[in-house]
Protein backbone atom coordinates (compact mmCIF):
# COMPACT_ATOMS: atom_id res chain seq x y z
CA UNK A 1 0.00 0.00 0.00
CA UNK A 2 1.24 3.51 -0.77
CA UNK A 3 2.48 5.49 2.20
CA UNK A 4 1.93 9.27 2.10
CA UNK A 5 5.18 11.07 1.48
CA UNK A 6 7.23 7.93 0.84
CA UNK A 7 5.57 6.04 -2.01
CA UNK A 8 3.48 6.94 -5.01
CA UNK A 9 -0.21 6.10 -5.02
CA UNK A 10 -1.21 2.76 -6.47
CA UNK A 11 -2.18 2.78 -10.14
CA UNK A 12 -4.28 0.60 -12.37
CA UNK A 13 -1.17 -1.18 -13.67
CA UNK A 14 -0.16 -2.12 -10.10
CA UNK A 15 -3.57 -3.72 -9.53
CA UNK A 16 -3.27 -5.66 -12.80
CA UNK A 17 0.12 -7.10 -11.76
CA UNK A 18 -1.10 -7.98 -8.27
CA UNK A 19 -4.23 -9.71 -9.61
CA UNK A 20 -2.45 -11.39 -12.53
CA UNK A 21 -4.75 -9.88 -15.16
CA UNK A 22 -4.47 -7.30 -17.94
CA UNK A 23 -4.96 -3.61 -17.37
CA UNK A 24 -8.02 -3.79 -19.61
CA UNK A 25 -9.61 -6.33 -17.27
CA UNK A 26 -9.01 -4.06 -14.28
CA UNK A 27 -10.57 -1.17 -16.18
CA UNK A 28 -13.60 -3.31 -16.99
CA UNK A 29 -14.00 -4.33 -13.35
CA UNK A 30 -14.41 -0.68 -12.37
CA UNK A 31 -16.23 0.61 -15.43
CA UNK A 32 -18.14 -2.38 -16.88
CA UNK A 33 -18.17 -5.02 -14.13
CA UNK A 34 -20.93 -7.13 -15.67
CA UNK A 35 -18.69 -8.30 -18.51
CA UNK A 36 -16.05 -9.70 -16.11
CA UNK A 37 -16.40 -13.17 -14.56
CA UNK A 38 -17.29 -13.04 -10.90
CA UNK A 39 -14.17 -14.84 -9.65
CA UNK A 40 -11.89 -12.54 -11.68
CA UNK A 41 -13.81 -9.49 -10.50
CA UNK A 42 -13.44 -10.52 -6.87
CA UNK A 43 -9.69 -11.15 -7.31
CA UNK A 44 -9.18 -7.71 -8.90
CA UNK A 45 -11.20 -5.95 -6.19
CA UNK A 46 -9.27 -7.74 -3.46
CA UNK A 47 -5.96 -6.71 -5.05
CA UNK A 48 -7.19 -3.13 -5.39
CA UNK A 49 -8.27 -3.01 -1.76
CA UNK A 50 -4.89 -4.36 -0.65
CA UNK A 51 -3.08 -1.64 -2.61
CA UNK A 52 -5.46 1.14 -1.54
CA UNK A 53 -6.63 1.68 -5.11
CA UNK A 54 -10.19 3.13 -5.27
CA UNK A 55 -10.61 3.06 -9.04
CA UNK A 56 -9.81 5.27 -12.05
CA UNK A 57 -9.89 9.01 -11.42
CA UNK A 58 -13.15 10.25 -13.04
CA UNK A 59 -11.45 13.55 -13.89
CA UNK A 60 -9.18 11.78 -16.33
CA UNK A 61 -12.13 10.13 -18.04
CA UNK A 62 -13.90 13.49 -18.28
CA UNK A 63 -10.85 15.11 -19.85
CA UNK A 64 -10.49 12.31 -22.38
CA UNK A 65 -14.18 12.34 -23.31
CA UNK A 66 -14.50 16.12 -23.32
CA UNK A 67 -17.95 15.74 -21.80
CA UNK A 68 -19.22 15.59 -18.22
CA UNK A 69 -22.78 14.44 -18.98
CA UNK A 70 -24.23 16.93 -16.50
CA UNK A 71 -26.15 20.22 -16.69
CA UNK A 72 -25.78 23.13 -14.29
CA UNK A 73 -28.67 25.27 -13.07
CA UNK A 74 -27.35 28.72 -12.13
CA UNK A 75 -29.07 31.07 -9.71
CA UNK A 76 -28.03 33.90 -7.43
CA UNK A 77 -30.67 32.70 -4.97
CA UNK A 78 -29.64 30.43 -2.08
CA UNK A 79 -29.91 26.74 -2.89
CA UNK A 80 -32.83 26.45 -0.46
CA UNK A 81 -34.87 28.65 -2.84
CA UNK A 82 -35.19 25.74 -5.27
CA UNK A 83 -37.03 23.77 -2.60
CA UNK A 84 -38.87 26.56 -0.75
CA UNK A 85 -40.37 28.41 -3.72
CA UNK A 86 -43.29 26.58 -5.40
CA UNK A 87 -42.45 27.84 -8.90
CA UNK A 88 -38.77 26.94 -8.56
CA UNK A 89 -39.67 23.44 -7.33
CA UNK A 90 -41.83 22.73 -10.38
CA UNK A 91 -39.18 24.17 -12.71
CA UNK A 92 -36.48 22.03 -11.13
CA UNK A 93 -38.66 18.92 -11.35
CA UNK A 94 -39.07 19.49 -15.11
CA UNK A 95 -35.32 19.92 -15.49
CA UNK A 96 -34.66 16.78 -13.46
CA UNK A 97 -37.20 14.78 -15.47
CA UNK A 98 -35.49 15.73 -18.73
CA UNK A 99 -32.03 15.01 -17.29
CA UNK A 100 -33.24 11.53 -16.33
CA UNK A 101 -34.55 10.98 -19.85
CA UNK A 102 -31.17 11.93 -21.32
CA UNK A 103 -29.20 10.06 -18.67
CA UNK A 104 -27.56 13.30 -17.56
CA UNK A 105 -26.66 14.55 -14.12
CA UNK A 106 -27.78 17.81 -12.53
CA UNK A 107 -25.70 20.37 -10.65
CA UNK A 108 -27.15 23.33 -8.72
CA UNK A 109 -24.81 26.33 -8.88
CA UNK A 110 -25.68 29.13 -6.51
CA UNK A 111 -24.21 31.78 -4.23
CA UNK A 112 -25.29 35.19 -3.03
CA UNK A 113 -21.83 36.79 -3.21
CA UNK A 114 -20.51 37.54 -6.70
CA UNK A 115 -17.00 36.28 -5.90
CA UNK A 116 -18.31 32.97 -4.62
CA UNK A 117 -20.81 32.63 -7.46
CA UNK A 118 -18.09 33.37 -10.00
CA UNK A 119 -15.93 30.61 -8.53
CA UNK A 120 -18.83 28.16 -8.46
CA UNK A 121 -19.62 28.80 -12.13
CA UNK A 122 -15.98 28.58 -13.22
CA UNK A 123 -15.40 25.31 -11.37
CA UNK A 124 -18.73 23.56 -12.15
CA UNK A 125 -18.22 20.25 -13.99
CA UNK A 126 -21.06 20.57 -16.49
CA UNK A 127 -21.66 20.54 -20.26
CA UNK A 128 -23.89 23.60 -20.22
CA UNK A 129 -25.94 25.93 -18.03
CA UNK A 130 -29.58 26.78 -17.48
CA UNK A 131 -29.56 30.32 -16.12
CA UNK A 132 -32.41 30.96 -13.70
CA UNK A 133 -32.74 34.72 -14.29
CA UNK A 134 -35.16 35.61 -11.52
CA UNK A 135 -32.64 37.84 -9.76
CA UNK A 136 -29.25 39.14 -10.88
CA UNK A 137 -29.86 38.11 -14.49
CA UNK A 138 -27.21 40.29 -16.14
CA UNK A 139 -24.55 39.23 -13.66
CA UNK A 140 -25.44 35.54 -14.10
CA UNK A 141 -25.27 35.80 -17.88
CA UNK A 142 -21.92 37.56 -17.79
CA UNK A 143 -20.38 34.96 -15.50
CA UNK A 144 -21.91 32.06 -17.41
CA UNK A 145 -20.82 33.36 -20.81
CA UNK A 146 -17.20 33.38 -19.59
CA UNK A 147 -17.28 29.56 -19.40
CA UNK A 148 -17.90 29.38 -23.18
CA UNK A 149 -20.32 26.49 -22.74
CA UNK A 150 -23.86 26.23 -24.16
CA UNK A 151 -26.40 28.04 -21.99
CA UNK A 152 -30.02 29.13 -22.05
CA UNK A 153 -31.66 31.88 -19.99
CA UNK A 154 -35.11 31.40 -18.50
CA UNK A 155 -36.29 34.94 -19.14
CA UNK A 156 -37.70 36.37 -22.36
CA UNK A 157 -37.09 39.90 -21.13
CA UNK A 158 -33.36 39.71 -21.83
CA UNK A 159 -32.60 42.14 -24.63
CA UNK A 160 -29.34 40.52 -25.77
CA UNK A 161 -30.08 38.88 -29.13
CA UNK A 162 -27.12 36.53 -28.77
CA UNK A 163 -28.68 34.77 -25.79
CA UNK A 164 -31.05 31.84 -26.20
CA UNK A 165 -34.09 32.34 -23.98
CA UNK A 166 -37.16 30.45 -22.80
CA UNK A 167 -40.17 32.04 -21.15
CA UNK A 168 -43.75 33.18 -21.48
CA UNK A 169 -45.47 36.33 -22.72
CA UNK A 170 -45.82 38.14 -19.40
CA UNK A 171 -47.70 41.07 -20.92
CA UNK A 172 -50.33 38.81 -22.50
CA UNK A 173 -50.69 36.71 -19.37
CA UNK A 174 -51.18 39.76 -17.15
CA UNK A 175 -53.72 41.21 -19.57
CA UNK A 176 -55.64 37.94 -19.33
CA UNK A 177 -55.66 38.21 -15.53
CA UNK A 178 -56.99 41.77 -15.52
CA UNK A 179 -59.60 41.00 -18.18
CA UNK A 180 -60.95 38.15 -16.04
CA UNK A 181 -61.48 40.48 -13.06
CA UNK A 182 -62.98 43.18 -15.25
CA UNK A 183 -65.45 40.67 -16.67
CA UNK A 184 -66.55 39.89 -13.11
CA UNK A 185 -67.32 43.59 -12.61
CA UNK A 186 -64.33 44.81 -10.59
CA UNK A 187 -63.21 48.44 -10.91
CA UNK A 188 -61.04 48.96 -7.81
CA UNK A 189 -57.70 47.21 -8.21
CA UNK A 190 -54.27 46.96 -6.60
CA UNK A 191 -51.10 45.21 -7.76
CA UNK A 192 -48.61 43.18 -5.73
CA UNK A 193 -45.47 43.18 -7.87
CA UNK A 194 -42.33 41.09 -7.97
CA UNK A 195 -39.07 42.94 -7.16
CA UNK A 196 -37.59 45.21 -9.84
CA UNK A 197 -34.06 44.80 -8.53
CA UNK A 198 -32.13 42.98 -5.83
CA UNK A 199 -32.26 45.68 -3.16
CA UNK A 200 -34.96 44.19 -0.91
CA UNK A 201 -37.33 47.17 -1.31
CA UNK A 202 -40.90 46.66 -0.15
CA UNK A 203 -43.48 49.40 -0.58
CA UNK A 204 -45.52 51.51 -2.95
CA UNK A 205 -44.05 52.44 -6.33
CA UNK A 206 -45.32 54.00 -9.55
CA UNK A 207 -45.69 52.47 -13.00
CA UNK A 208 -42.81 54.65 -14.20
CA UNK A 209 -40.46 53.06 -11.66
CA UNK A 210 -40.22 49.95 -13.83
CA UNK A 211 -38.33 51.82 -16.56
CA UNK A 212 -34.75 50.55 -16.68
CA UNK A 213 -35.42 47.99 -13.95
CA UNK A 214 -32.93 45.16 -13.49
CA UNK A 215 -35.72 42.59 -13.79
CA UNK A 216 -38.14 43.14 -16.69
CA UNK A 217 -40.85 40.65 -15.64
CA UNK A 218 -42.61 42.86 -13.03
CA UNK A 219 -42.83 45.79 -15.43
CA UNK A 220 -44.08 43.61 -18.27
CA UNK A 221 -46.86 42.24 -16.10
CA UNK A 222 -47.90 45.73 -14.99
CA UNK A 223 -48.02 46.72 -18.68
CA UNK A 224 -50.39 43.83 -19.33
CA UNK A 225 -52.61 44.65 -16.35
CA UNK A 226 -52.81 48.33 -17.23
CA UNK A 227 -53.43 47.69 -20.94
CA UNK A 228 -56.59 45.80 -20.03
CA UNK A 229 -57.65 48.32 -17.37
CA UNK A 230 -57.06 51.28 -19.68
CA UNK A 231 -59.16 49.62 -22.38
CA UNK A 232 -61.99 49.23 -19.86
CA UNK A 233 -61.83 52.87 -18.82
CA UNK A 234 -60.22 52.30 -15.41
CA UNK A 235 -57.96 55.13 -14.24
CA UNK A 236 -54.68 53.25 -13.87
CA UNK A 237 -52.95 56.25 -12.30
CA UNK A 238 -55.10 55.56 -9.24
CA UNK A 239 -54.23 51.83 -9.08
CA UNK A 240 -51.69 51.30 -6.27
CA UNK A 241 -48.65 49.12 -7.00
CA UNK A 242 -46.75 47.58 -4.12
CA UNK A 243 -43.34 46.03 -4.69
CA UNK A 244 -42.53 42.96 -2.61
CA UNK A 245 -39.68 40.49 -2.10
CA UNK A 246 -41.95 37.61 -3.24
CA UNK A 247 -42.26 36.00 0.17
CA UNK A 248 -44.77 35.84 2.99
CA UNK A 249 -43.17 38.53 5.17
CA UNK A 250 -42.89 41.10 2.38
CA UNK A 251 -46.44 40.34 1.22
CA UNK A 252 -47.74 41.05 4.72
CA UNK A 253 -45.88 44.38 4.87
CA UNK A 254 -47.23 45.40 1.46
CA UNK A 255 -50.82 44.48 2.37
CA UNK A 256 -50.65 46.36 5.67
CA UNK A 257 -49.60 49.50 3.80
CA UNK A 258 -52.16 48.94 1.04
CA UNK A 259 -55.24 48.42 3.22
CA UNK A 260 -54.28 51.28 5.52
CA UNK A 261 -54.98 53.67 2.63
CA UNK A 262 -57.10 51.80 0.04
CA UNK A 263 -59.98 49.36 -0.22
CA UNK A 264 -59.51 47.45 -3.50
CA UNK A 265 -61.97 44.75 -4.39
CA UNK A 266 -59.42 42.85 -6.49
CA UNK A 267 -55.72 42.10 -6.19
CA UNK A 268 -53.56 41.43 -9.25
CA UNK A 269 -50.68 39.40 -7.78
CA UNK A 270 -47.56 38.62 -9.80
CA UNK A 271 -46.80 35.22 -8.25
CA UNK A 272 -48.84 32.40 -6.76
CA UNK A 273 -46.56 32.37 -3.72
CA UNK A 274 -47.56 35.96 -2.90
CA UNK A 275 -51.19 35.29 -3.77
CA UNK A 276 -51.41 32.35 -1.36
CA UNK A 277 -49.76 34.46 1.35
CA UNK A 278 -52.21 37.29 0.59
CA UNK A 279 -55.22 35.00 1.04
CA UNK A 280 -53.96 33.97 4.47
CA UNK A 281 -53.25 37.59 5.47
CA UNK A 282 -56.68 38.78 4.36
CA UNK A 283 -58.50 36.08 6.30
CA UNK A 284 -56.39 36.85 9.38
CA UNK A 285 -57.37 40.53 9.11
CA UNK A 286 -61.11 40.03 8.70
CA UNK A 287 -61.43 40.11 4.91
CA UNK A 288 -63.26 37.26 3.21
CA UNK A 289 -61.87 35.95 -0.10
CA UNK A 290 -63.50 36.40 -2.59
CA UNK A 291 -66.51 38.07 -0.95
CA UNK A 292 -64.54 41.17 0.10
CA UNK A 293 -61.45 40.84 -2.09
CA UNK A 294 -60.83 38.73 -5.19
CA UNK A 295 -57.28 37.50 -5.82
CA UNK A 296 -55.63 36.22 -8.99
CA UNK A 297 -52.07 34.91 -9.05
CA UNK A 298 -49.54 34.09 -11.73
CA UNK A 299 -47.65 30.78 -12.15
CA UNK A 300 -50.09 27.90 -11.77
CA UNK A 301 -48.30 26.03 -8.96
CA UNK A 302 -49.96 22.97 -7.46
CA UNK A 303 -50.34 24.59 -4.04
CA UNK A 304 -52.81 27.07 -5.52
CA UNK A 305 -55.33 24.31 -6.16
CA UNK A 306 -55.49 23.25 -2.50
CA UNK A 307 -55.42 26.60 -0.70
CA UNK A 308 -58.71 27.85 0.75
CA UNK A 309 -60.22 29.19 -1.36
CA UNK A 310 -58.52 27.63 -4.36
CA UNK A 311 -56.50 30.20 -6.28
CA UNK A 312 -57.45 31.62 -9.66
CA UNK A 313 -54.24 32.08 -11.59
CA UNK A 314 -52.43 32.50 -14.88
CA UNK A 315 -50.70 29.15 -15.37
CA UNK A 316 -47.28 28.86 -16.94
CA UNK A 317 -46.05 25.55 -18.43
CA UNK A 318 -43.31 25.61 -15.79
CA UNK A 319 -42.21 21.99 -15.98
CA UNK A 320 -42.17 22.16 -19.79
CA UNK A 321 -39.92 25.23 -19.58
CA UNK A 322 -37.49 23.11 -17.57
CA UNK A 323 -37.69 20.17 -19.97
CA UNK A 324 -37.19 22.41 -23.00
CA UNK A 325 -34.18 24.06 -21.37
CA UNK A 326 -32.46 20.69 -21.00
CA UNK A 327 -33.27 19.78 -24.60
CA UNK A 328 -31.76 23.06 -25.84
CA UNK A 329 -28.49 22.23 -24.02
CA UNK A 330 -28.30 18.54 -24.90
CA UNK A 331 -29.45 18.85 -28.52
CA UNK A 332 -28.09 22.21 -29.74
CA UNK A 333 -28.76 23.14 -33.37
CA UNK A 334 -26.65 26.29 -33.45
CA UNK A 335 -29.65 28.62 -33.79
CA UNK A 336 -30.33 31.32 -31.19
CA UNK A 337 -34.07 31.37 -30.44
CA UNK A 338 -36.53 33.07 -28.12
CA UNK A 339 -38.79 30.19 -27.09
CA UNK A 340 -42.14 31.66 -26.00
CA UNK A 341 -44.51 29.17 -24.39
CA UNK A 342 -48.24 29.84 -23.91
CA UNK A 343 -50.03 30.67 -20.65
CA UNK A 344 -53.66 30.09 -19.79
CA UNK A 345 -56.23 31.23 -17.24
CA UNK A 346 -57.36 28.81 -14.52
CA UNK A 347 -60.52 30.05 -12.81
CA UNK A 348 -61.04 28.83 -9.26
CA UNK A 349 -62.78 30.09 -6.13
CA UNK A 350 -60.57 33.07 -5.19
CA UNK A 351 -62.27 35.38 -7.71
CA UNK A 352 -65.93 36.42 -7.85
CA UNK A 353 -68.01 39.54 -8.65
CA UNK A 354 -67.54 42.34 -6.12
CA UNK A 355 -70.24 42.53 -3.47
CA UNK A 356 -72.31 45.68 -3.00
CA UNK A 357 -70.76 48.01 -0.46
């Protein structure tokens, strides 16, 4: 057995000599054991154990093949976000399903600090990246591009025409949400918006504050809401918009500020996670949903179907976005595309005509 500092580590050739077999047989024992007779396999493994040999270094095989057979999912969010956020969970399940179908591995690459994230991206053993551009999109794209590996961004709002993107038409989806509430007879609205940038701001903002925002999705959805409201003659300048951090705590802060000054009959909420939190907050503060306030979300996560009342929402094909992202990486055709997938309205019990006041 090799002794640290005095002898070199055991190699495949040493195992072959000790077991009295060829180097090819030893390689087969570790890489394709089923084709080696059991007694030979046991002799080789015993010799390897005696020499302290654990098997071929996978890094050498990766270098020779030029392929890792794994895909990285990049996000500036903490890794726990993939399991805590309903939308992220569904997205990740679609990615994992496609990786299974292709026989590929999956690596989650995340860090809040740029220096750490940069190191994680540079050192990730993957064949390509799926960039989860919910926060810090420009930074993620810059760091990912430096690896010179195939990548796809999950955000249609990216203006760089050299980046392959997958997403949905946020403007059209938001318009559909507002039109549904208008059809029910609502005229007093408020918006709970996703964050424009990564500064943690929670509070009231104006429609003009979305210009030049780091994240285009919130502004696009407000455009869709207001396009429908304007067409129906609703004064959108009087519709309050509250920016949140897309979590329960920030939703509660936004609703406290909103209902201290306004009494909307309908909430246009830019994520199902916020919408579900809003339902709970309203019930806790004496508002019945949908009798007093109707709520419509955006995402179509499974949790929305089992909340009380069940959530009306604009459903994205979230799992399909994940599956398509893997296919774009594994089967590249050299063409840069903006893949726009459809959304649809799911009407449930959280929306109803406004009651007479």
